[in-house]
Protein backbone atom coordinates (compact mmCIF):
# COMPACT_ATOMS: atom_id res chain seq x y z
CA MET A 1 -125.41 -29.06 83.89
CA ARG A 2 -123.82 -25.91 85.02
CA TRP A 3 -124.66 -22.48 85.72
CA CYS A 4 -122.78 -20.33 82.85
CA GLY A 5 -120.24 -17.70 83.69
CA ALA A 6 -118.46 -14.74 82.75
CA LEU A 7 -119.47 -13.88 79.51
CA PHE A 8 -119.06 -11.45 76.43
CA VAL A 9 -121.22 -11.19 73.06
CA LEU A 10 -121.15 -11.42 69.22
CA VAL A 11 -123.25 -12.67 66.09
CA ALA A 12 -123.20 -16.53 65.50
CA CYS A 13 -121.13 -17.29 62.44
CA GLY A 14 -122.43 -20.37 60.11
CA GLY A 15 -124.11 -23.59 61.07
CA GLY A 16 -127.42 -22.06 61.56
CA SER A 17 -129.06 -19.17 63.06
CA ASN A 18 -127.99 -18.24 67.03
CA PRO A 19 -131.41 -18.88 69.18
CA LEU A 20 -130.71 -16.54 71.92
CA ILE A 21 -130.24 -13.44 69.48
CA GLY A 22 -131.32 -12.26 66.25
CA GLN A 23 -128.89 -10.28 63.82
CA ASP A 24 -130.42 -7.04 64.04
CA ASP A 25 -130.27 -7.13 68.16
CA ALA A 26 -126.65 -8.49 67.95
CA LYS A 27 -125.32 -5.57 65.51
CA ALA A 28 -127.26 -3.32 67.49
CA LEU A 29 -125.60 -4.03 70.83
CA VAL A 30 -122.51 -3.93 68.95
CA ALA A 31 -123.11 -0.30 67.70
CA LYS A 32 -123.78 0.27 71.54
CA TRP A 33 -120.54 -1.00 72.63
CA GLN A 34 -118.34 1.09 69.80
CA GLY A 35 -115.68 3.25 71.52
CA ALA A 36 -113.27 3.49 74.46
CA TRP A 37 -114.59 1.98 77.91
CA VAL A 38 -112.88 1.98 81.27
CA MET A 39 -113.85 -1.62 82.30
CA PRO A 40 -113.02 -2.06 86.30
CA TYR A 41 -114.50 -5.61 86.36
CA MET A 42 -113.24 -6.89 82.81
CA THR A 43 -110.78 -9.45 84.16
CA SER A 44 -112.20 -9.94 87.75
CA ASP A 45 -114.30 -8.18 90.45
CA THR A 46 -110.81 -7.27 92.37
CA GLY A 47 -108.60 -6.85 89.27
CA PRO A 48 -107.12 -3.56 87.64
CA TYR A 49 -108.81 -1.24 85.51
CA VAL A 50 -108.49 -2.03 81.96
CA VAL A 51 -109.40 -0.45 78.78
CA TYR A 52 -111.15 -1.76 75.99
CA ASP A 53 -111.52 0.07 72.34
CA ILE A 54 -114.39 -1.52 70.47
CA LYS A 55 -114.18 -0.81 66.43
CA ASP A 56 -116.56 -2.86 64.78
CA GLU A 57 -116.36 -6.53 65.82
CA THR A 58 -112.62 -6.02 67.16
CA TYR A 59 -111.18 -5.03 70.23
CA VAL A 60 -108.20 -3.43 71.76
CA GLU A 61 -107.38 -4.36 75.42
CA TRP A 62 -104.96 -2.24 77.17
CA ASP A 63 -103.95 -3.09 80.91
CA GLY A 64 -101.38 -0.24 81.13
CA ASP A 65 -98.44 -2.34 80.07
CA ARG A 66 -99.28 -3.69 76.97
CA SER A 67 -102.07 -4.11 74.01
CA THR A 68 -103.87 -7.13 73.22
CA THR A 69 -106.07 -7.33 69.52
CA GLY A 70 -108.60 -9.97 69.04
CA ASN A 71 -112.28 -10.35 68.01
CA PHE A 72 -115.45 -8.82 69.55
CA ARG A 73 -118.58 -11.38 69.70
CA ILE A 74 -122.22 -11.14 70.76
CA ILE A 75 -123.71 -14.43 72.18
CA ALA A 76 -126.70 -13.18 73.73
CA PRO A 77 -128.38 -9.78 74.70
CA CYS A 78 -126.23 -10.77 78.34
CA LEU A 79 -123.22 -12.13 76.87
CA VAL A 80 -119.97 -11.27 75.03
CA GLU A 81 -116.97 -13.35 74.00
CA LEU A 82 -113.53 -12.07 73.45
CA SER A 83 -111.31 -13.95 71.56
CA HIS A 84 -107.63 -13.36 71.02
CA GLY A 85 -105.85 -16.67 69.02
CA LYS A 86 -107.22 -19.80 70.42
CA THR A 87 -108.21 -17.87 74.08
CA ARG A 88 -111.61 -16.99 74.76
CA ARG A 89 -112.95 -15.06 77.24
CA TYR A 90 -116.58 -14.10 78.44
CA LYS A 91 -118.45 -11.68 80.28
CA GLN A 92 -121.75 -10.89 81.47
CA PHE A 93 -123.20 -7.40 80.65
CA ALA A 94 -126.45 -5.55 79.85
CA PHE A 95 -127.49 -1.80 78.88
CA ALA A 96 -129.92 -0.40 81.29
CA THR A 97 -132.93 1.51 79.92
CA ASN A 98 -130.85 4.84 80.86
CA GLY A 99 -128.17 3.28 78.57
CA GLN A 100 -125.83 2.68 81.20
CA LEU A 101 -123.45 -0.35 80.81
CA VAL A 102 -124.20 -3.07 83.84
CA ILE A 103 -121.41 -5.60 84.47
CA GLU A 104 -121.72 -8.41 87.18
CA THR A 105 -122.50 -11.62 87.70
CA PRO A 106 -125.24 -13.20 87.57
CA LEU A 107 -127.22 -10.63 85.18
CA GLY A 108 -130.11 -10.62 83.09
CA ALA A 109 -131.12 -8.54 80.05
CA LYS A 110 -134.77 -8.02 78.73
CA ARG A 111 -135.81 -8.04 75.07
CA GLY A 112 -139.31 -7.52 74.27
CA ASP A 113 -141.62 -9.77 76.92
CA THR A 114 -138.42 -12.06 77.28
CA TRP A 115 -135.79 -12.40 79.82
CA TYR A 116 -132.27 -13.60 78.73
CA VAL A 117 -130.64 -14.64 81.98
CA CYS A 118 -126.71 -15.28 82.05
CA SER A 119 -125.36 -16.85 85.45
CA PHE A 120 -122.53 -19.05 86.46
CA GLU A 121 -120.17 -20.88 84.11
CA LYS A 122 -122.17 -22.19 81.01
CA GLU A 123 -125.84 -21.71 80.74
CA VAL A 124 -128.16 -19.09 79.62
CA VAL A 125 -131.91 -19.39 80.77
CA VAL A 126 -134.64 -17.72 78.31
CA TYR A 127 -137.42 -16.89 80.25
CA ALA A 128 -140.67 -16.28 78.07
CA PRO A 129 -144.20 -15.76 79.11
CA ASP A 130 -145.24 -19.10 77.99
CA SER A 131 -142.06 -21.04 78.71
CA CYS A 132 -138.11 -21.41 80.54
CA ARG A 133 -135.62 -23.09 78.93
CA VAL A 134 -131.92 -23.44 79.73
CA TYR A 135 -129.09 -23.27 76.95
CA GLY A 136 -126.53 -25.35 78.19
CA ARG A 137 -123.53 -24.98 75.63
CA ALA A 138 -124.44 -21.22 74.92
CA ILE A 139 -120.85 -19.74 75.07
CA ARG A 140 -119.33 -21.75 72.40
CA ARG A 141 -122.30 -23.00 69.70
CA PRO A 142 -125.84 -21.95 71.03
CA GLU A 143 -127.24 -22.69 67.65
CA ARG A 144 -126.46 -26.40 68.19
CA ASP A 145 -127.45 -26.37 71.68
CA GLU A 146 -130.94 -28.52 72.54
CA PRO A 147 -132.64 -26.45 75.23
CA GLU A 148 -133.82 -28.48 78.18
CA PRO A 149 -136.88 -26.89 80.71
CA ALA A 150 -136.06 -25.08 83.68
CA THR A 151 -138.47 -23.51 86.17
CA CYS A 152 -139.04 -19.70 86.39
CA HIS A 153 -141.29 -17.33 88.29
CA THR A 154 -141.82 -13.52 88.87
CA ASP A 155 -143.68 -11.26 91.41
CA GLY A 156 -143.17 -8.12 89.50
CA ASP A 157 -140.51 -7.35 91.49
CA HIS A 158 -138.07 -10.35 91.27
CA VAL A 159 -137.16 -13.28 88.86
CA THR A 160 -136.42 -16.61 90.52
CA ILE A 161 -134.89 -19.26 88.15
CA ASP A 162 -134.67 -22.86 89.30
CA VAL A 163 -132.48 -25.26 87.02
CA ASP A 164 -131.83 -28.76 88.60
CA GLY A 165 -132.53 -27.76 92.18
CA ARG A 166 -130.20 -24.79 91.88
CA VAL A 167 -132.01 -21.66 92.36
CA ILE A 168 -131.05 -17.57 91.55
CA ASP A 169 -133.22 -14.59 92.62
CA LEU A 170 -132.62 -11.52 90.80
CA LYS A 171 -134.52 -8.34 90.92
CA ILE A 172 -135.74 -6.17 88.49
CA TRP A 173 -134.08 -2.99 87.55
CA GLY A 174 -135.74 -1.63 84.38
CA ASP A 175 -134.80 -4.05 81.77
CA VAL A 176 -132.00 -5.47 83.69
CA LEU A 177 -132.03 -8.37 86.22
CA VAL A 178 -129.23 -7.63 89.26
CA ARG A 179 -128.69 -9.56 92.09
CA MET A 180 -131.05 -8.89 95.19
CA THR A 181 -127.93 -8.19 97.64
CA ASP A 182 -126.20 -5.71 95.71
CA GLU A 183 -126.58 -2.51 93.69
CA PRO A 184 -125.67 -3.08 90.24
CA LYS A 185 -122.02 -2.55 89.10
CA LEU A 186 -122.05 0.43 87.14
CA GLY A 187 -118.43 1.20 86.97
CA PRO A 188 -117.69 0.72 83.61
CA PHE A 189 -118.04 4.18 81.57
CA HIS A 190 -117.86 5.26 78.20
CA ALA A 191 -114.71 7.57 77.71
CA ALA A 192 -114.70 10.48 74.83
CA SER A 193 -111.61 8.67 73.27
CA LEU A 194 -109.04 6.11 73.69
CA ASP A 195 -106.39 8.45 75.16
CA ASP A 196 -108.83 9.78 77.66
CA ALA A 197 -109.96 6.27 78.52
CA ARG A 198 -106.07 5.31 79.05
CA LYS A 199 -105.73 8.37 81.41
CA ARG A 200 -108.81 7.52 83.41
CA ALA A 201 -107.48 4.01 83.69
CA ASP A 202 -104.42 5.62 85.29
CA GLU A 203 -105.76 7.53 87.69
CA LYS A 204 -107.78 4.69 89.19
CA ARG A 205 -105.03 2.53 89.17
CA LEU A 206 -103.35 5.23 91.06
CA GLY A 207 -105.75 6.56 93.47
CA PRO A 208 -105.76 10.02 94.67
């Protein structure tokens, strides 16, 4: 079993309901994503600034030279999928209590009294008060996945997760779990318009 990696989100279509997120919650997250975003970490931690314009469940990606259009899908409260033709990319994300978008790896998001933790390659851990389960194929078809037990613990300030001897420790930052060694990446920001987002991305690429 492997840890789940970069993530992006969508509502499951057909073949049963998505156990990782309800349709109403997924639609609410899609609504938060609407508009133009400048994403410094969307392609990689050190990659160029790119712009994403989200409209309903579609996106336009602009990297400074060309645009790509595809589908936008929420898979879990901390995971989104971007698909273009046969290509699929995933990114972890969470909206903090103050509305700030956080993107980093690993990452967790809280819904009610349950944590959803997206980490590494292909797993989503669901940590509820009475259970700790890991979905191993969550990226593609979580509705077909059979969760397996994991070990979760919290001291009120941090959450520790153990899956088959692989341990991650995350600190609680409001309704978001972030790496204990770093400040959360708050680089992505919501622009006033697509043109404004492109201008800001160019400024960051070119520097002062």
